[in-house]
Amino acid sequence: MAAPMASRQSPRGRVGLVAGWSYPAAVFEPLRRALADHAVSAFDWVSFAAGWLGEDVVRADEPEPSVWVGWSLGGVLLLEALRQGRIAPDRLVLVNATPRFLEAPGWPGVPEAEWRGLRRAAARHPMAAVAAFRRRFALPDVAGRDPALADVSGLDWLARLDLRAFLADVSTPVECWLAQDDPLVPADWPSHLALSPRVCCQRFTEPGHAPWFADPAALAARLSAG
């Protein structure tokens, strides 16, 4: 598993990025280039979970980001870290993420049967499961595949966490960036919650589960605006 990626310190605020299941921190290279005037630290989900959510904290020796950005599973883990008081950012940005991944009565999400199918496949043949997962959902196929990043514990985090109540009274500013035709995170989930006034929702113009990857300019501009 690769070490966290960090850019040189700059006068702009530090931004922390946390990737989704199966992805290395390198998935954020397009966004890092668009944030060239910021100090940026990028983490895969395993490194973040170990450093901020584990009992034996293994944290990088650098200032904590003032803005945390999490994509998919990365966003869910950031929200849980905020709930536990493990992070204290000025802003939290959730990209194609949801406070509850699995479907529930009155709640749009992934059916549990589909989640179990992916989990079984990942437990048997992690890299084959990752390849099929990316093809099925038109996700970026970046270099640097690591079996550790496809560990089923990441899928278990998605199934276990239900942070809907936390988003109802969160006091930290939270931005939710969603997209139409996202096959994993329904764009209308905010309409199913009474969200805290500190939560706002933005929409990508492009569809899918990773619209920021090919064109990160809109997200970078929003992060730079503060």
Protein backbone atom coordinates (compact mmCIF):
# COMPACT_ATOMS: atom_id res chain seq x y z
CA MET A 1 0.00 0.00 0.00
CA ALA A 2 1.46 3.33 -1.04
CA ALA A 3 2.23 6.07 1.46
CA PRO A 4 0.02 9.18 1.51
CA MET A 5 0.83 11.66 -1.23
CA ALA A 6 1.59 15.22 -0.14
CA SER A 7 2.35 18.33 -2.13
CA ARG A 8 4.66 21.13 -1.05
CA GLN A 9 3.35 23.59 1.49
CA SER A 10 1.71 26.67 -0.04
CA PRO A 11 0.00 29.80 1.27
CA ARG A 12 -3.43 28.39 0.49
CA GLY A 13 -5.31 26.15 2.92
CA ARG A 14 -4.38 22.47 3.13
CA VAL A 15 -6.79 20.08 1.44
CA GLY A 16 -7.06 16.40 2.36
CA LEU A 17 -8.41 13.89 -0.16
CA VAL A 18 -9.65 10.37 0.61
CA ALA A 19 -10.27 7.87 -2.20
CA GLY A 20 -13.01 5.30 -2.66
CA TRP A 21 -12.94 1.51 -2.35
CA SER A 22 -10.23 -0.21 -4.43
CA TYR A 23 -8.58 3.08 -5.47
CA PRO A 24 -5.09 4.37 -4.70
CA ALA A 25 -4.48 7.99 -3.74
CA ALA A 26 -3.23 8.51 -7.31
CA VAL A 27 -6.85 8.63 -8.50
CA PHE A 28 -6.79 12.26 -7.35
CA GLU A 29 -3.99 13.33 -9.71
CA PRO A 30 -6.35 15.34 -11.99
CA LEU A 31 -7.81 17.14 -8.98
CA ARG A 32 -4.37 17.72 -7.45
CA ARG A 33 -3.21 19.41 -10.67
CA ALA A 34 -6.28 21.63 -10.59
CA LEU A 35 -5.42 22.56 -6.98
CA ALA A 36 -1.81 23.43 -7.76
CA ASP A 37 -1.83 26.50 -5.49
CA HIS A 38 -2.93 24.46 -2.47
CA ALA A 39 -1.08 22.14 -0.14
CA VAL A 40 -2.71 18.77 -0.82
CA SER A 41 -2.51 15.43 1.00
CA ALA A 42 -4.11 12.42 -0.66
CA PHE A 43 -4.92 9.09 1.01
CA ASP A 44 -6.34 5.78 -0.05
CA TRP A 45 -9.19 4.59 2.16
CA VAL A 46 -7.04 2.02 3.99
CA SER A 47 -4.45 4.62 5.03
CA PHE A 48 -7.15 7.02 6.18
CA ALA A 49 -9.02 4.38 8.17
CA ALA A 50 -5.79 3.31 9.88
CA GLY A 51 -4.69 6.86 10.59
CA TRP A 52 -7.95 8.41 11.74
CA LEU A 53 -10.37 5.63 12.64
CA GLY A 54 -8.15 2.87 14.00
CA GLU A 55 -7.31 2.19 17.62
CA ASP A 56 -3.58 2.38 16.89
CA VAL A 57 -3.36 5.66 15.05
CA VAL A 58 -0.68 5.84 12.34
CA ARG A 59 -0.98 9.45 11.24
CA ALA A 60 1.26 11.40 8.88
CA ASP A 61 3.41 14.02 10.59
CA GLU A 62 1.89 17.06 8.89
CA PRO A 63 -0.76 19.69 9.64
CA GLU A 64 -4.34 18.47 9.50
CA PRO A 65 -6.22 19.69 6.42
CA SER A 66 -8.64 22.56 6.92
CA VAL A 67 -10.78 21.06 4.15
CA TRP A 68 -11.36 17.32 3.83
CA VAL A 69 -12.74 15.88 0.59
CA GLY A 70 -13.91 12.28 0.31
CA TRP A 71 -15.04 10.39 -2.75
CA SER A 72 -17.51 7.52 -2.33
CA LEU A 73 -16.26 5.31 0.55
CA GLY A 74 -13.73 8.04 1.35
CA GLY A 75 -16.58 10.45 2.03
CA VAL A 76 -18.37 8.00 4.30
CA LEU A 77 -15.20 7.43 6.33
CA LEU A 78 -14.63 11.17 6.64
CA LEU A 79 -18.17 11.66 7.90
CA GLU A 80 -17.66 8.94 10.50
CA ALA A 81 -14.32 10.50 11.54
CA LEU A 82 -16.10 13.83 11.98
CA ARG A 83 -18.83 12.17 14.05
CA GLN A 84 -16.20 10.58 16.31
CA GLY A 85 -14.30 13.84 16.68
CA ARG A 86 -11.21 12.40 14.95
CA ILE A 87 -11.08 15.32 12.51
CA ALA A 88 -12.08 18.97 12.97
CA PRO A 89 -12.03 20.63 9.54
CA ASP A 90 -13.39 24.01 8.57
CA ARG A 91 -15.28 22.26 5.77
CA LEU A 92 -16.11 18.69 4.81
CA VAL A 93 -16.84 17.93 1.15
CA LEU A 94 -18.57 14.65 0.26
CA VAL A 95 -18.21 13.69 -3.41
CA ASN A 96 -20.60 11.05 -4.77
CA ALA A 97 -21.10 9.84 -1.20
CA THR A 98 -24.11 8.99 0.94
CA PRO A 99 -24.67 8.73 4.70
CA ARG A 100 -26.19 5.27 4.23
CA PHE A 101 -25.01 3.12 1.34
CA LEU A 102 -27.49 0.25 1.55
CA GLU A 103 -31.13 0.46 0.61
CA ALA A 104 -33.65 0.66 3.48
CA PRO A 105 -37.40 1.30 3.78
CA GLY A 106 -37.95 4.81 2.46
CA TRP A 107 -34.25 5.20 1.66
CA PRO A 108 -32.65 4.91 -1.81
CA GLY A 109 -29.48 2.88 -1.91
CA VAL A 110 -27.79 -0.23 -3.20
CA PRO A 111 -29.79 -3.43 -2.56
CA GLU A 112 -28.12 -5.63 0.04
CA ALA A 113 -28.11 -8.58 -2.36
CA GLU A 114 -25.93 -6.63 -4.82
CA TRP A 115 -23.57 -5.59 -2.05
CA ARG A 116 -23.26 -9.21 -0.91
CA GLY A 117 -22.49 -10.30 -4.46
CA LEU A 118 -19.64 -7.81 -4.74
CA ARG A 119 -18.34 -8.79 -1.32
CA ARG A 120 -18.26 -12.49 -2.24
CA ALA A 121 -16.46 -11.72 -5.48
CA ALA A 122 -13.90 -9.48 -3.75
CA ALA A 123 -13.24 -12.11 -1.08
CA ARG A 124 -12.52 -14.78 -3.73
CA HIS A 125 -10.64 -12.84 -6.40
CA PRO A 126 -10.02 -9.20 -5.38
CA MET A 127 -8.41 -7.92 -8.57
CA ALA A 128 -10.94 -9.61 -10.85
CA ALA A 129 -13.75 -8.16 -8.73
CA VAL A 130 -12.22 -4.69 -8.95
CA ALA A 131 -11.91 -4.91 -12.74
CA ALA A 132 -15.53 -6.03 -13.08
CA PHE A 133 -16.69 -3.35 -10.62
CA ARG A 134 -14.98 -0.59 -12.60
CA ARG A 135 -16.31 -1.84 -15.93
CA ARG A 136 -19.85 -2.20 -14.70
CA PHE A 137 -20.07 1.29 -13.23
CA ALA A 138 -17.88 3.11 -15.80
CA LEU A 139 -15.29 4.04 -13.17
CA PRO A 140 -11.75 5.30 -13.79
CA ASP A 141 -9.23 2.54 -14.43
CA VAL A 142 -6.17 4.11 -12.83
CA ALA A 143 -2.79 2.46 -12.36
CA GLY A 144 -1.59 1.19 -9.01
CA ARG A 145 -3.99 -1.62 -8.16
CA ASP A 146 -3.28 -3.05 -4.73
CA PRO A 147 -5.19 -6.06 -3.31
CA ALA A 148 -5.19 -4.36 0.10
CA LEU A 149 -7.34 -1.55 -1.32
CA ALA A 150 -9.93 -4.12 -2.46
CA ASP A 151 -10.22 -5.62 1.01
CA VAL A 152 -13.79 -6.51 1.96
CA SER A 153 -13.46 -4.50 5.17
CA GLY A 154 -14.02 -1.41 3.03
CA LEU A 155 -17.30 -2.84 1.80
CA ASP A 156 -18.17 -3.71 5.39
CA TRP A 157 -17.69 -0.04 6.36
CA LEU A 158 -20.21 0.87 3.66
CA ALA A 159 -22.75 -1.66 4.90
CA ARG A 160 -22.30 -0.89 8.59
CA LEU A 161 -22.35 2.90 8.72
CA ASP A 162 -25.63 4.79 8.92
CA LEU A 163 -24.88 8.49 9.42
CA ARG A 164 -28.26 9.94 8.49
CA ALA A 165 -29.02 11.14 12.01
CA PHE A 166 -25.60 12.77 12.26
CA LEU A 167 -26.23 14.81 9.10
CA ALA A 168 -29.44 16.08 10.66
CA ASP A 169 -27.59 18.05 13.35
CA VAL A 170 -23.96 18.31 12.19
CA SER A 171 -22.43 21.69 13.07
CA THR A 172 -19.44 21.59 10.68
CA PRO A 173 -20.18 22.92 7.18
CA VAL A 174 -20.72 19.94 4.88
CA GLU A 175 -21.00 20.12 1.09
CA CYS A 176 -22.47 17.18 -0.80
CA TRP A 177 -21.56 16.93 -4.48
CA LEU A 178 -23.86 14.58 -6.36
CA ALA A 179 -24.51 13.60 -9.96
CA GLN A 180 -27.40 12.39 -12.03
CA ASP A 181 -27.34 8.76 -13.17
CA ASP A 182 -24.92 7.77 -10.42
CA PRO A 183 -25.41 4.00 -10.22
CA LEU A 184 -24.11 3.75 -6.65
CA VAL A 185 -25.26 6.93 -4.90
CA PRO A 186 -28.77 8.22 -5.75
CA ALA A 187 -28.64 11.96 -6.44
CA ASP A 188 -31.93 12.51 -4.60
CA TRP A 189 -30.91 11.10 -1.22
CA PRO A 190 -30.85 14.59 0.40
CA SER A 191 -34.59 14.90 -0.22
CA HIS A 192 -35.15 11.92 2.08
CA LEU A 193 -33.56 13.65 5.11
CA ALA A 194 -34.15 16.69 7.27
CA LEU A 195 -30.61 17.97 6.87
CA SER A 196 -28.80 20.34 9.20
CA PRO A 197 -28.69 23.97 7.98
CA ARG A 198 -24.92 23.47 7.79
CA VAL A 199 -25.34 20.97 4.94
CA CYS A 200 -25.60 22.17 1.35
CA CYS A 201 -25.81 20.18 -1.87
CA GLN A 202 -24.19 20.84 -5.23
CA ARG A 203 -24.63 19.06 -8.57
CA PHE A 204 -22.02 18.06 -11.11
CA THR A 205 -23.01 18.79 -14.69
CA GLU A 206 -21.72 15.39 -15.83
CA PRO A 207 -23.40 12.10 -14.81
CA GLY A 208 -22.05 8.98 -13.12
CA HIS A 209 -20.13 8.03 -10.00
CA ALA A 210 -16.88 9.82 -10.86
CA PRO A 211 -17.80 12.93 -12.90
CA TRP A 212 -14.97 14.94 -11.33
CA PHE A 213 -12.22 12.63 -12.61
CA ALA A 214 -12.15 13.71 -16.26
CA ASP A 215 -13.05 17.34 -15.57
CA PRO A 216 -12.10 18.38 -12.01
CA ALA A 217 -12.27 22.12 -12.68
CA ALA A 218 -15.69 22.76 -11.11
CA LEU A 219 -14.83 20.94 -7.90
CA ALA A 220 -11.39 22.56 -7.71
CA ALA A 221 -12.91 26.00 -8.20
CA ARG A 222 -15.36 25.40 -5.39
CA LEU A 223 -12.63 24.19 -3.05
CA SER A 224 -10.51 27.23 -3.90
CA ALA A 225 -13.41 29.61 -3.33
CA GLY A 226 -13.56 28.68 0.36
